[in-house]
Amino acid sequence: MKKQVYIVGAHSRGRTLKAYLEYLYPDIGVEAFLVDDMSENQEMVDGVPVIEIGEGLRKDCPVYLGTRGIYHAKLSDRLRAFGMEHIIPVTVELDRRLRNAYVRKCLEEEGRKFTMINDLPAE
């Protein structure tokens, strides 16, 4: 059985985070995308329900904040108000680490090597 997580944000950042997590960690599944307002969101995105932050959330699910960093504090406060404790802000650094791991794994599956630009020899 997959470990379920929530992702706050159902647009490009949240969807990209879902792709990273599910590809890198096949034992993870996204329970739902969480949003603070349904008016600009679909009910389902990539086969996953989109629900408003509120009562009834599974408290045992970690919550990834797949939004711009300027919203993290407000969203964390709101999630804590509904009993969520394991909140993971997707910072620029975490996003970079996930993206690089994702690209590395994709290339390795194609039999290619992943090399960071900074690791290339100076000419």
PDB file of N, CA and C in Angstrom:
ATOM      1  N   MET A   1       0.840  -1.179   0.000  1.00  0.00           N
ATOM      2  CA  MET A   1       0.000   0.000   0.000  1.00  0.00           C
ATOM      3  C   MET A   1       0.885   1.243   0.000  1.00  0.00           C
ATOM      4  N   LYS A   2       0.530   2.211  -0.829  1.00  0.00           N
ATOM      5  CA  LYS A   2       1.333   3.421  -0.952  1.00  0.00           C
ATOM      6  C   LYS A   2       1.129   4.346   0.237  1.00  0.00           C
ATOM      7  N   LYS A   3       2.202   5.049   0.590  1.00  0.00           N
ATOM      8  CA  LYS A   3       2.117   6.089   1.611  1.00  0.00           C
ATOM      9  C   LYS A   3       1.467   7.305   0.946  1.00  0.00           C
ATOM     10  N   GLN A   4       0.384   7.787   1.508  1.00  0.00           N
ATOM     11  CA  GLN A   4      -0.358   8.892   0.920  1.00  0.00           C
ATOM     12  C   GLN A   4       0.145  10.238   1.447  1.00  0.00           C
ATOM     13  N   VAL A   5       0.178  11.217   0.556  1.00  0.00           N
ATOM     14  CA  VAL A   5       0.570  12.582   0.898  1.00  0.00           C
ATOM     15  C   VAL A   5      -0.433  13.539   0.261  1.00  0.00           C
ATOM     16  N   TYR A   6      -0.464  14.747   0.788  1.00  0.00           N
ATOM     17  CA  TYR A   6      -1.211  15.830   0.172  1.00  0.00           C
ATOM     18  C   TYR A   6      -0.220  16.788  -0.469  1.00  0.00           C
ATOM     19  N   ILE A   7      -0.661  17.457  -1.525  1.00  0.00           N
ATOM     20  CA  ILE A   7       0.117  18.540  -2.126  1.00  0.00           C
ATOM     21  C   ILE A   7      -0.775  19.769  -2.167  1.00  0.00           C
ATOM     22  N   VAL A   8      -0.298  20.862  -1.541  1.00  0.00           N
ATOM     23  CA  VAL A   8      -1.031  22.120  -1.625  1.00  0.00           C
ATOM     24  C   VAL A   8      -0.650  22.774  -2.937  1.00  0.00           C
ATOM     25  N   GLY A   9      -1.670  23.085  -3.727  1.00  0.00           N
ATOM     26  CA  GLY A   9      -1.454  23.684  -5.041  1.00  0.00           C
ATOM     27  C   GLY A   9      -1.777  22.682  -6.129  1.00  0.00           C
ATOM     28  N   ALA A  10      -2.704  23.050  -7.009  1.00  0.00           N
ATOM     29  CA  ALA A  10      -3.126  22.131  -8.064  1.00  0.00           C
ATOM     30  C   ALA A  10      -2.761  22.642  -9.450  1.00  0.00           C
ATOM     31  N   HIS A  11      -1.884  23.636  -9.496  1.00  0.00           N
ATOM     32  CA  HIS A  11      -1.449  24.164 -10.787  1.00  0.00           C
ATOM     33  C   HIS A  11      -0.049  23.630 -11.085  1.00  0.00           C
ATOM     34  N   SER A  12       0.722  24.303 -11.890  1.00  0.00           N
ATOM     35  CA  SER A  12       1.964  23.742 -12.417  1.00  0.00           C
ATOM     36  C   SER A  12       2.955  23.304 -11.337  1.00  0.00           C
ATOM     37  N   ARG A  13       3.152  24.085 -10.298  1.00  0.00           N
ATOM     38  CA  ARG A  13       4.111  23.685  -9.254  1.00  0.00           C
ATOM     39  C   ARG A  13       3.666  22.411  -8.547  1.00  0.00           C
ATOM     40  N   GLY A  14       2.403  22.347  -8.188  1.00  0.00           N
ATOM     41  CA  GLY A  14       1.887  21.161  -7.516  1.00  0.00           C
ATOM     42  C   GLY A  14       1.915  19.935  -8.408  1.00  0.00           C
ATOM     43  N   ARG A  15       1.560  20.114  -9.671  1.00  0.00           N
ATOM     44  CA  ARG A  15       1.555  18.987 -10.609  1.00  0.00           C
ATOM     45  C   ARG A  15       2.967  18.487 -10.885  1.00  0.00           C
ATOM     46  N   THR A  16       3.915  19.407 -10.984  1.00  0.00           N
ATOM     47  CA  THR A  16       5.306  19.009 -11.188  1.00  0.00           C
ATOM     48  C   THR A  16       5.823  18.265  -9.963  1.00  0.00           C
ATOM     49  N   LEU A  17       5.492  18.755  -8.780  1.00  0.00           N
ATOM     50  CA  LEU A  17       5.892  18.078  -7.548  1.00  0.00           C
ATOM     51  C   LEU A  17       5.325  16.663  -7.504  1.00  0.00           C
ATOM     52  N   LYS A  18       4.071  16.497  -7.899  1.00  0.00           N
ATOM     53  CA  LYS A  18       3.467  15.163  -7.949  1.00  0.00           C
ATOM     54  C   LYS A  18       4.277  14.237  -8.855  1.00  0.00           C
ATOM     55  N   ALA A  19       4.655  14.738 -10.026  1.00  0.00           N
ATOM     56  CA  ALA A  19       5.438  13.929 -10.960  1.00  0.00           C
ATOM     57  C   ALA A  19       6.786  13.526 -10.346  1.00  0.00           C
ATOM     58  N   TYR A  20       7.448  14.476  -9.709  1.00  0.00           N
ATOM     59  CA  TYR A  20       8.739  14.175  -9.065  1.00  0.00           C
ATOM     60  C   TYR A  20       8.565  13.100  -8.002  1.00  0.00           C
ATOM     61  N   LEU A  21       7.629  13.322  -7.082  1.00  0.00           N
ATOM     62  CA  LEU A  21       7.466  12.406  -5.950  1.00  0.00           C
ATOM     63  C   LEU A  21       7.083  11.002  -6.396  1.00  0.00           C
ATOM     64  N   GLU A  22       6.115  10.899  -7.301  1.00  0.00           N
ATOM     65  CA  GLU A  22       5.661   9.574  -7.703  1.00  0.00           C
ATOM     66  C   GLU A  22       6.689   8.831  -8.554  1.00  0.00           C
ATOM     67  N   TYR A  23       7.502   9.542  -9.297  1.00  0.00           N
ATOM     68  CA  TYR A  23       8.537   8.903 -10.112  1.00  0.00           C
ATOM     69  C   TYR A  23       9.725   8.477  -9.253  1.00  0.00           C
ATOM     70  N   LEU A  24      10.146   9.380  -8.358  1.00  0.00           N
ATOM     71  CA  LEU A  24      11.311   9.090  -7.520  1.00  0.00           C
ATOM     72  C   LEU A  24      11.002   8.106  -6.400  1.00  0.00           C
ATOM     73  N   TYR A  25       9.779   8.139  -5.904  1.00  0.00           N
ATOM     74  CA  TYR A  25       9.380   7.317  -4.760  1.00  0.00           C
ATOM     75  C   TYR A  25       8.084   6.577  -5.111  1.00  0.00           C
ATOM     76  N   PRO A  26       8.200   5.446  -5.804  1.00  0.00           N
ATOM     77  CA  PRO A  26       7.004   4.726  -6.260  1.00  0.00           C
ATOM     78  C   PRO A  26       6.073   4.288  -5.130  1.00  0.00           C
ATOM     79  N   ASP A  27       6.559   4.309  -3.884  1.00  0.00           N
ATOM     80  CA  ASP A  27       5.718   3.935  -2.748  1.00  0.00           C
ATOM     81  C   ASP A  27       4.874   5.104  -2.241  1.00  0.00           C
ATOM     82  N   ILE A  28       4.970   6.281  -2.890  1.00  0.00           N
ATOM     83  CA  ILE A  28       4.184   7.452  -2.513  1.00  0.00           C
ATOM     84  C   ILE A  28       3.052   7.650  -3.513  1.00  0.00           C
ATOM     85  N   GLY A  29       1.881   7.969  -2.978  1.00  0.00           N
ATOM     86  CA  GLY A  29       0.727   8.326  -3.797  1.00  0.00           C
ATOM     87  C   GLY A  29       0.147   9.638  -3.286  1.00  0.00           C
ATOM     88  N   VAL A  30      -0.409  10.425  -4.185  1.00  0.00           N
ATOM     89  CA  VAL A  30      -0.995  11.704  -3.788  1.00  0.00           C
ATOM     90  C   VAL A  30      -2.476  11.479  -3.478  1.00  0.00           C
ATOM     91  N   GLU A  31      -2.831  11.704  -2.227  1.00  0.00           N
ATOM     92  CA  GLU A  31      -4.215  11.560  -1.755  1.00  0.00           C
ATOM     93  C   GLU A  31      -5.118  12.618  -2.403  1.00  0.00           C
ATOM     94  N   ALA A  32      -4.626  13.867  -2.414  1.00  0.00           N
ATOM     95  CA  ALA A  32      -5.399  14.963  -3.006  1.00  0.00           C
ATOM     96  C   ALA A  32      -4.508  16.186  -3.141  1.00  0.00           C
ATOM     97  N   PHE A  33      -4.875  17.040  -4.069  1.00  0.00           N
ATOM     98  CA  PHE A  33      -4.316  18.384  -4.127  1.00  0.00           C
ATOM     99  C   PHE A  33      -5.195  19.243  -3.220  1.00  0.00           C
ATOM    100  N   LEU A  34      -4.580  20.041  -2.374  1.00  0.00           N
ATOM    101  CA  LEU A  34      -5.316  20.921  -1.481  1.00  0.00           C
ATOM    102  C   LEU A  34      -5.227  22.354  -1.982  1.00  0.00           C
ATOM    103  N   VAL A  35      -6.339  23.061  -1.923  1.00  0.00           N
ATOM    104  CA  VAL A  35      -6.380  24.453  -2.356  1.00  0.00           C
ATOM    105  C   VAL A  35      -7.147  25.264  -1.318  1.00  0.00           C
ATOM    106  N   ASP A  36      -6.950  26.576  -1.338  1.00  0.00           N
ATOM    107  CA  ASP A  36      -7.696  27.414  -0.399  1.00  0.00           C
ATOM    108  C   ASP A  36      -8.956  28.000  -1.022  1.00  0.00           C
ATOM    109  N   ASP A  37      -9.145  27.770  -2.328  1.00  0.00           N
ATOM    110  CA  ASP A  37     -10.336  28.280  -3.017  1.00  0.00           C
ATOM    111  C   ASP A  37     -10.560  27.435  -4.266  1.00  0.00           C
ATOM    112  N   MET A  38     -11.728  26.857  -4.381  1.00  0.00           N
ATOM    113  CA  MET A  38     -12.036  25.989  -5.520  1.00  0.00           C
ATOM    114  C   MET A  38     -12.425  26.761  -6.775  1.00  0.00           C
ATOM    115  N   SER A  39     -12.664  28.065  -6.673  1.00  0.00           N
ATOM    116  CA  SER A  39     -13.220  28.802  -7.810  1.00  0.00           C
ATOM    117  C   SER A  39     -12.323  28.798  -9.043  1.00  0.00           C
ATOM    118  N   GLU A  40     -11.024  28.694  -8.867  1.00  0.00           N
ATOM    119  CA  GLU A  40     -10.113  28.684 -10.019  1.00  0.00           C
ATOM    120  C   GLU A  40      -9.469  27.316 -10.234  1.00  0.00           C
ATOM    121  N   ASN A  41     -10.111  26.277  -9.696  1.00  0.00           N
ATOM    122  CA  ASN A  41      -9.549  24.936  -9.785  1.00  0.00           C
ATOM    123  C   ASN A  41     -10.570  23.939 -10.301  1.00  0.00           C
ATOM    124  N   GLN A  42     -10.058  22.904 -10.950  1.00  0.00           N
ATOM    125  CA  GLN A  42     -10.898  21.792 -11.393  1.00  0.00           C
ATOM    126  C   GLN A  42     -11.118  20.844 -10.218  1.00  0.00           C
ATOM    127  N   GLU A  43     -12.096  19.966 -10.325  1.00  0.00           N
ATOM    128  CA  GLU A  43     -12.356  18.999  -9.259  1.00  0.00           C
ATOM    129  C   GLU A  43     -11.352  17.857  -9.254  1.00  0.00           C
ATOM    130  N   MET A  44     -10.740  17.581 -10.410  1.00  0.00           N
ATOM    131  CA  MET A  44      -9.721  16.529 -10.537  1.00  0.00           C
ATOM    132  C   MET A  44      -8.587  17.081 -11.391  1.00  0.00           C
ATOM    133  N   VAL A  45      -7.361  16.738 -11.013  1.00  0.00           N
ATOM    134  CA  VAL A  45      -6.181  17.112 -11.788  1.00  0.00           C
ATOM    135  C   VAL A  45      -5.273  15.887 -11.842  1.00  0.00           C
ATOM    136  N   ASP A  46      -4.903  15.482 -13.036  1.00  0.00           N
ATOM    137  CA  ASP A  46      -4.043  14.307 -13.223  1.00  0.00           C
ATOM    138  C   ASP A  46      -4.576  13.079 -12.487  1.00  0.00           C
ATOM    139  N   GLY A  47      -5.903  12.924 -12.462  1.00  0.00           N
ATOM    140  CA  GLY A  47      -6.526  11.775 -11.816  1.00  0.00           C
ATOM    141  C   GLY A  47      -6.590  11.849 -10.305  1.00  0.00           C
ATOM    142  N   VAL A  48      -6.287  13.007  -9.737  1.00  0.00           N
ATOM    143  CA  VAL A  48      -6.263  13.193  -8.283  1.00  0.00           C
ATOM    144  C   VAL A  48      -7.314  14.241  -7.917  1.00  0.00           C
ATOM    145  N   PRO A  49      -8.094  13.991  -6.856  1.00  0.00           N
ATOM    146  CA  PRO A  49      -9.088  14.984  -6.463  1.00  0.00           C
ATOM    147  C   PRO A  49      -8.441  16.271  -5.957  1.00  0.00           C
ATOM    148  N   VAL A  50      -9.130  17.374  -6.197  1.00  0.00           N
ATOM    149  CA  VAL A  50      -8.727  18.684  -5.686  1.00  0.00           C
ATOM    150  C   VAL A  50      -9.767  19.070  -4.640  1.00  0.00           C
ATOM    151  N   ILE A  51      -9.310  19.332  -3.409  1.00  0.00           N
ATOM    152  CA  ILE A  51     -10.238  19.666  -2.330  1.00  0.00           C
ATOM    153  C   ILE A  51      -9.746  20.900  -1.577  1.00  0.00           C
ATOM    154  N   GLU A  52     -10.685  21.573  -0.951  1.00  0.00           N
ATOM    155  CA  GLU A  52     -10.329  22.744  -0.159  1.00  0.00           C
ATOM    156  C   GLU A  52      -9.724  22.320   1.168  1.00  0.00           C
ATOM    157  N   ILE A  53      -8.771  23.107   1.642  1.00  0.00           N
ATOM    158  CA  ILE A  53      -8.201  22.902   2.966  1.00  0.00           C
ATOM    159  C   ILE A  53      -9.330  23.088   3.971  1.00  0.00           C
ATOM    160  N   GLY A  54      -9.518  22.105   4.838  1.00  0.00           N
ATOM    161  CA  GLY A  54     -10.597  22.210   5.815  1.00  0.00           C
ATOM    162  C   GLY A  54     -10.696  20.956   6.664  1.00  0.00           C
ATOM    163  N   GLU A  55     -11.837  20.819   7.296  1.00  0.00           N
ATOM    164  CA  GLU A  55     -12.103  19.652   8.137  1.00  0.00           C
ATOM    165  C   GLU A  55     -12.075  18.379   7.305  1.00  0.00           C
ATOM    166  N   GLY A  56     -11.742  17.289   7.957  1.00  0.00           N
ATOM    167  CA  GLY A  56     -11.798  15.995   7.298  1.00  0.00           C
ATOM    168  C   GLY A  56     -10.507  15.548   6.641  1.00  0.00           C
ATOM    169  N   LEU A  57      -9.453  16.357   6.718  1.00  0.00           N
ATOM    170  CA  LEU A  57      -8.172  15.942   6.144  1.00  0.00           C
ATOM    171  C   LEU A  57      -7.572  14.833   7.005  1.00  0.00           C
ATOM    172  N   ARG A  58      -6.891  13.923   6.367  1.00  0.00           N
ATOM    173  CA  ARG A  58      -6.209  12.844   7.100  1.00  0.00           C
ATOM    174  C   ARG A  58      -4.965  13.420   7.775  1.00  0.00           C
ATOM    175  N   LYS A  59      -4.964  13.408   9.071  1.00  0.00           N
ATOM    176  CA  LYS A  59      -3.877  14.008   9.857  1.00  0.00           C
ATOM    177  C   LYS A  59      -2.570  13.223   9.726  1.00  0.00           C
ATOM    178  N   ASP A  60      -2.651  11.955   9.287  1.00  0.00           N
ATOM    179  CA  ASP A  60      -1.456  11.129   9.154  1.00  0.00           C
ATOM    180  C   ASP A  60      -0.731  11.358   7.823  1.00  0.00           C
ATOM    181  N   CYS A  61      -1.306  12.151   6.940  1.00  0.00           N
ATOM    182  CA  CYS A  61      -0.683  12.418   5.637  1.00  0.00           C
ATOM    183  C   CYS A  61       0.236  13.629   5.717  1.00  0.00           C
ATOM    184  N   PRO A  62       1.492  13.470   5.308  1.00  0.00           N
ATOM    185  CA  PRO A  62       2.346  14.654   5.181  1.00  0.00           C
ATOM    186  C   PRO A  62       1.768  15.583   4.114  1.00  0.00           C
ATOM    187  N   VAL A  63       2.025  16.877   4.271  1.00  0.00           N
ATOM    188  CA  VAL A  63       1.520  17.881   3.335  1.00  0.00           C
ATOM    189  C   VAL A  63       2.702  18.626   2.732  1.00  0.00           C
ATOM    190  N   TYR A  64       2.858  18.540   1.426  1.00  0.00           N
ATOM    191  CA  TYR A  64       3.888  19.289   0.708  1.00  0.00           C
ATOM    192  C   TYR A  64       3.279  20.598   0.211  1.00  0.00           C
ATOM    193  N   LEU A  65       3.967  21.697   0.458  1.00  0.00           N
ATOM    194  CA  LEU A  65       3.510  23.000  -0.009  1.00  0.00           C
ATOM    195  C   LEU A  65       4.105  23.246  -1.388  1.00  0.00           C
ATOM    196  N   GLY A  66       3.344  22.931  -2.426  1.00  0.00           N
ATOM    197  CA  GLY A  66       3.792  23.074  -3.813  1.00  0.00           C
ATOM    198  C   GLY A  66       3.330  24.399  -4.398  1.00  0.00           C
ATOM    199  N   THR A  67       3.594  25.479  -3.660  1.00  0.00           N
ATOM    200  CA  THR A  67       3.206  26.827  -4.083  1.00  0.00           C
ATOM    201  C   THR A  67       4.418  27.740  -3.962  1.00  0.00           C
ATOM    202  N   ARG A  68       4.249  28.967  -4.395  1.00  0.00           N
ATOM    203  CA  ARG A  68       5.310  29.955  -4.231  1.00  0.00           C
ATOM    204  C   ARG A  68       5.596  30.145  -2.742  1.00  0.00           C
ATOM    205  N   GLY A  69       6.855  30.360  -2.424  1.00  0.00           N
ATOM    206  CA  GLY A  69       7.287  30.484  -1.038  1.00  0.00           C
ATOM    207  C   GLY A  69       6.607  31.595  -0.264  1.00  0.00           C
ATOM    208  N   ILE A  70       6.177  32.641  -0.936  1.00  0.00           N
ATOM    209  CA  ILE A  70       5.546  33.756  -0.226  1.00  0.00           C
ATOM    210  C   ILE A  70       4.239  33.332   0.440  1.00  0.00           C
ATOM    211  N   TYR A  71       3.661  32.212   0.041  1.00  0.00           N
ATOM    212  CA  TYR A  71       2.407  31.728   0.617  1.00  0.00           C
ATOM    213  C   TYR A  71       2.607  30.668   1.706  1.00  0.00           C
ATOM    214  N   HIS A  72       3.832  30.201   1.899  1.00  0.00           N
ATOM    215  CA  HIS A  72       4.076  29.077   2.807  1.00  0.00           C
ATOM    216  C   HIS A  72       3.641  29.341   4.242  1.00  0.00           C
ATOM    217  N   ALA A  73       3.969  30.500   4.795  1.00  0.00           N
ATOM    218  CA  ALA A  73       3.629  30.782   6.199  1.00  0.00           C
ATOM    219  C   ALA A  73       2.113  30.790   6.398  1.00  0.00           C
ATOM    220  N   LYS A  74       1.391  31.475   5.506  1.00  0.00           N
ATOM    221  CA  LYS A  74      -0.065  31.549   5.616  1.00  0.00           C
ATOM    222  C   LYS A  74      -0.697  30.164   5.483  1.00  0.00           C
ATOM    223  N   LEU A  75      -0.221  29.392   4.508  1.00  0.00           N
ATOM    224  CA  LEU A  75      -0.771  28.056   4.296  1.00  0.00           C
ATOM    225  C   LEU A  75      -0.442  27.121   5.464  1.00  0.00           C
ATOM    226  N   SER A  76       0.775  27.223   5.990  1.00  0.00           N
ATOM    227  CA  SER A  76       1.155  26.392   7.134  1.00  0.00           C
ATOM    228  C   SER A  76       0.262  26.683   8.328  1.00  0.00           C
ATOM    229  N   ASP A  77       0.008  27.959   8.601  1.00  0.00           N
ATOM    230  CA  ASP A  77      -0.873  28.335   9.708  1.00  0.00           C
ATOM    231  C   ASP A  77      -2.270  27.763   9.503  1.00  0.00           C
ATOM    232  N   ARG A  78      -2.765  27.868   8.293  1.00  0.00           N
ATOM    233  CA  ARG A  78      -4.114  27.360   8.000  1.00  0.00           C
ATOM    234  C   ARG A  78      -4.176  25.842   8.163  1.00  0.00           C
ATOM    235  N   LEU A  79      -3.160  25.148   7.669  1.00  0.00           N
ATOM    236  CA  LEU A  79      -3.130  23.691   7.793  1.00  0.00           C
ATOM    237  C   LEU A  79      -3.042  23.264   9.260  1.00  0.00           C
ATOM    238  N   ARG A  80      -2.223  23.951  10.040  1.00  0.00           N
ATOM    239  CA  ARG A  80      -2.099  23.628  11.473  1.00  0.00           C
ATOM    240  C   ARG A  80      -3.433  23.850  12.192  1.00  0.00           C
ATOM    241  N   ALA A  81      -4.186  24.854  11.764  1.00  0.00           N
ATOM    242  CA  ALA A  81      -5.491  25.126  12.368  1.00  0.00           C
ATOM    243  C   ALA A  81      -6.447  23.946  12.171  1.00  0.00           C
ATOM    244  N   PHE A  82      -6.209  23.134  11.152  1.00  0.00           N
ATOM    245  CA  PHE A  82      -7.036  21.952  10.906  1.00  0.00           C
ATOM    246  C   PHE A  82      -6.332  20.671  11.367  1.00  0.00           C
ATOM    247  N   GLY A  83      -5.291  20.822  12.184  1.00  0.00           N
ATOM    248  CA  GLY A  83      -4.649  19.673  12.809  1.00  0.00           C
ATOM    249  C   GLY A  83      -3.521  19.023  12.036  1.00  0.00           C
ATOM    250  N   MET A  84      -3.129  19.612  10.930  1.00  0.00           N
ATOM    251  CA  MET A  84      -2.036  19.026  10.147  1.00  0.00           C
ATOM    252  C   MET A  84      -0.707  19.377  10.816  1.00  0.00           C
ATOM    253  N   GLU A  85       0.151  18.393  10.996  1.00  0.00           N
ATOM    254  CA  GLU A  85       1.409  18.616  11.708  1.00  0.00           C
ATOM    255  C   GLU A  85       2.640  18.426  10.840  1.00  0.00           C
ATOM    256  N   HIS A  86       2.572  17.524   9.877  1.00  0.00           N
ATOM    257  CA  HIS A  86       3.757  17.227   9.059  1.00  0.00           C
ATOM    258  C   HIS A  86       3.657  18.017   7.746  1.00  0.00           C
ATOM    259  N   ILE A  87       4.160  19.255   7.797  1.00  0.00           N
ATOM    260  CA  ILE A  87       4.071  20.176   6.662  1.00  0.00           C
ATOM    261  C   ILE A  87       5.468  20.381   6.090  1.00  0.00           C
ATOM    262  N   ILE A  88       5.624  20.156   4.798  1.00  0.00           N
ATOM    263  CA  ILE A  88       6.932  20.229   4.139  1.00  0.00           C
ATOM    264  C   ILE A  88       6.902  21.333   3.087  1.00  0.00           C
ATOM    265  N   PRO A  89       7.502  22.485   3.386  1.00  0.00           N
ATOM    266  CA  PRO A  89       7.567  23.547   2.372  1.00  0.00           C
ATOM    267  C   PRO A  89       8.514  23.137   1.242  1.00  0.00           C
ATOM    268  N   VAL A  90       8.076  23.271   0.018  1.00  0.00           N
ATOM    269  CA  VAL A  90       8.942  22.972  -1.119  1.00  0.00           C
ATOM    270  C   VAL A  90       9.680  24.267  -1.449  1.00  0.00           C
ATOM    271  N   THR A  91      10.847  24.383  -0.852  1.00  0.00           N
ATOM    272  CA  THR A  91      11.707  25.550  -1.051  1.00  0.00           C
ATOM    273  C   THR A  91      12.406  25.443  -2.397  1.00  0.00           C
ATOM    274  N   VAL A  92      13.089  26.503  -2.770  1.00  0.00           N
ATOM    275  CA  VAL A  92      13.873  26.483  -4.006  1.00  0.00           C
ATOM    276  C   VAL A  92      14.897  25.350  -3.937  1.00  0.00           C
ATOM    277  N   GLU A  93      15.526  25.178  -2.776  1.00  0.00           N
ATOM    278  CA  GLU A  93      16.537  24.134  -2.609  1.00  0.00           C
ATOM    279  C   GLU A  93      15.930  22.738  -2.747  1.00  0.00           C
ATOM    280  N   LEU A  94      14.804  22.486  -2.099  1.00  0.00           N
ATOM    281  CA  LEU A  94      14.170  21.165  -2.201  1.00  0.00           C
ATOM    282  C   LEU A  94      13.709  20.909  -3.629  1.00  0.00           C
ATOM    283  N   ASP A  95      13.131  21.915  -4.270  1.00  0.00           N
ATOM    284  CA  ASP A  95      12.700  21.763  -5.657  1.00  0.00           C
ATOM    285  C   ASP A  95      13.887  21.417  -6.558  1.00  0.00           C
ATOM    286  N   ARG A  96      15.014  22.082  -6.354  1.00  0.00           N
ATOM    287  CA  ARG A  96      16.219  21.811  -7.149  1.00  0.00           C
ATOM    288  C   ARG A  96      16.695  20.381  -6.928  1.00  0.00           C
ATOM    289  N   ARG A  97      16.718  19.943  -5.655  1.00  0.00           N
ATOM    290  CA  ARG A  97      17.164  18.571  -5.365  1.00  0.00           C
ATOM    291  C   ARG A  97      16.243  17.539  -6.018  1.00  0.00           C
ATOM    292  N   LEU A  98      14.937  17.752  -5.920  1.00  0.00           N
ATOM    293  CA  LEU A  98      13.985  16.820  -6.539  1.00  0.00           C
ATOM    294  C   LEU A  98      14.118  16.818  -8.056  1.00  0.00           C
ATOM    295  N   ARG A  99      14.234  18.003  -8.653  1.00  0.00           N
ATOM    296  CA  ARG A  99      14.365  18.098 -10.114  1.00  0.00           C
ATOM    297  C   ARG A  99      15.625  17.391 -10.591  1.00  0.00           C
ATOM    298  N   ASN A 100      16.752  17.625  -9.903  1.00  0.00           N
ATOM    299  CA  ASN A 100      18.000  16.986 -10.319  1.00  0.00           C
ATOM    300  C   ASN A 100      17.921  15.470 -10.165  1.00  0.00           C
ATOM    301  N   ALA A 101      17.313  14.998  -9.087  1.00  0.00           N
ATOM    302  CA  ALA A 101      17.157  13.552  -8.898  1.00  0.00           C
ATOM    303  C   ALA A 101      16.250  12.967  -9.978  1.00  0.00           C
ATOM    304  N   TYR A 102      15.206  13.696 -10.337  1.00  0.00           N
ATOM    305  CA  TYR A 102      14.275  13.261 -11.375  1.00  0.00           C
ATOM    306  C   TYR A 102      14.997  13.139 -12.718  1.00  0.00           C
ATOM    307  N   VAL A 103      15.731  14.181 -13.093  1.00  0.00           N
ATOM    308  CA  VAL A 103      16.457  14.165 -14.366  1.00  0.00           C
ATOM    309  C   VAL A 103      17.520  13.077 -14.353  1.00  0.00           C
ATOM    310  N   ARG A 104      18.237  12.950 -13.235  1.00  0.00           N
ATOM    311  CA  ARG A 104      19.270  11.911 -13.122  1.00  0.00           C
ATOM    312  C   ARG A 104      18.660  10.528 -13.350  1.00  0.00           C
ATOM    313  N   LYS A 105      17.538  10.243 -12.699  1.00  0.00           N
ATOM    314  CA  LYS A 105      16.905   8.929 -12.834  1.00  0.00           C
ATOM    315  C   LYS A 105      16.408   8.703 -14.265  1.00  0.00           C
ATOM    316  N   CYS A 106      15.803   9.727 -14.869  1.00  0.00           N
ATOM    317  CA  CYS A 106      15.341   9.604 -16.264  1.00  0.00           C
ATOM    318  C   CYS A 106      16.494   9.260 -17.195  1.00  0.00           C
ATOM    319  N   LEU A 107      17.587   9.991 -17.052  1.00  0.00           N
ATOM    320  CA  LEU A 107      18.743   9.760 -17.924  1.00  0.00           C
ATOM    321  C   LEU A 107      19.359   8.393 -17.680  1.00  0.00           C
ATOM    322  N   GLU A 108      19.478   7.993 -16.414  1.00  0.00           N
ATOM    323  CA  GLU A 108      20.057   6.681 -16.111  1.00  0.00           C
ATOM    324  C   GLU A 108      19.213   5.554 -16.687  1.00  0.00           C
ATOM    325  N   GLU A 109      17.894   5.728 -16.670  1.00  0.00           N
ATOM    326  CA  GLU A 109      17.032   4.702 -17.263  1.00  0.00           C
ATOM    327  C   GLU A 109      17.213   4.609 -18.774  1.00  0.00           C
ATOM    328  N   GLU A 110      17.691   5.694 -19.386  1.00  0.00           N
ATOM    329  CA  GLU A 110      17.993   5.700 -20.824  1.00  0.00           C
ATOM    330  C   GLU A 110      19.440   5.293 -21.097  1.00  0.00           C
ATOM    331  N   GLY A 111      20.185   4.961 -20.031  1.00  0.00           N
ATOM    332  CA  GLY A 111      21.581   4.577 -20.188  1.00  0.00           C
ATOM    333  C   GLY A 111      22.515   5.757 -20.380  1.00  0.00           C
ATOM    334  N   ARG A 112      22.071   6.950 -20.016  1.00  0.00           N
ATOM    335  CA  ARG A 112      22.889   8.154 -20.166  1.00  0.00           C
ATOM    336  C   ARG A 112      23.345   8.623 -18.788  1.00  0.00           C
ATOM    337  N   LYS A 113      24.380   9.428 -18.775  1.00  0.00           N
ATOM    338  CA  LYS A 113      24.939   9.923 -17.520  1.00  0.00           C
ATOM    339  C   LYS A 113      24.453  11.346 -17.256  1.00  0.00           C
ATOM    340  N   PHE A 114      24.145  11.607 -16.004  1.00  0.00           N
ATOM    341  CA  PHE A 114      23.738  12.943 -15.573  1.00  0.00           C
ATOM    342  C   PHE A 114      24.955  13.668 -15.018  1.00  0.00           C
ATOM    343  N   THR A 115      25.238  14.830 -15.554  1.00  0.00           N
ATOM    344  CA  THR A 115      26.355  15.631 -15.076  1.00  0.00           C
ATOM    345  C   THR A 115      25.883  17.061 -14.879  1.00  0.00           C
ATOM    346  N   MET A 116      26.149  17.586 -13.697  1.00  0.00           N
ATOM    347  CA  MET A 116      25.821  18.980 -13.416  1.00  0.00           C
ATOM    348  C   MET A 116      26.802  19.870 -14.175  1.00  0.00           C
ATOM    349  N   ILE A 117      26.339  21.024 -14.599  1.00  0.00           N
ATOM    350  CA  ILE A 117      27.189  21.970 -15.317  1.00  0.00           C
ATOM    351  C   ILE A 117      28.423  22.316 -14.489  1.00  0.00           C
ATOM    352  N   ASN A 118      28.229  22.502 -13.196  1.00  0.00           N
ATOM    353  CA  ASN A 118      29.355  22.836 -12.312  1.00  0.00           C
ATOM    354  C   ASN A 118      30.391  21.733 -12.223  1.00  0.00           C
ATOM    355  N   ASP A 119      29.996  20.501 -12.578  1.00  0.00           N
ATOM    356  CA  ASP A 119      30.919  19.359 -12.519  1.00  0.00           C
ATOM    357  C   ASP A 119      31.685  19.123 -13.812  1.00  0.00           C
ATOM    358  N   LEU A 120      31.361  19.895 -14.851  1.00  0.00           N
ATOM    359  CA  LEU A 120      32.073  19.739 -16.114  1.00  0.00           C
ATOM    360  C   LEU A 120      33.482  20.305 -15.998  1.00  0.00           C
ATOM    361  N   PRO A 121      34.425  19.698 -16.676  1.00  0.00           N
ATOM    362  CA  PRO A 121      35.795  20.213 -16.599  1.00  0.00           C
ATOM    363  C   PRO A 121      35.903  21.597 -17.243  1.00  0.00           C
ATOM    364  N   ALA A 122      36.677  22.446 -16.621  1.00  0.00           N
ATOM    365  CA  ALA A 122      36.923  23.790 -17.187  1.00  0.00           C
ATOM    366  C   ALA A 122      37.851  23.648 -18.363  1.00  0.00           C
ATOM    367  N   GLU A 123      37.616  24.454 -19.392  1.00  0.00           N
ATOM    368  CA  GLU A 123      38.483  24.376 -20.581  1.00  0.00           C
ATOM    369  C   GLU A 123      39.426  25.528 -20.606  1.00  0.00           C
TER     370      GLU A 123
END
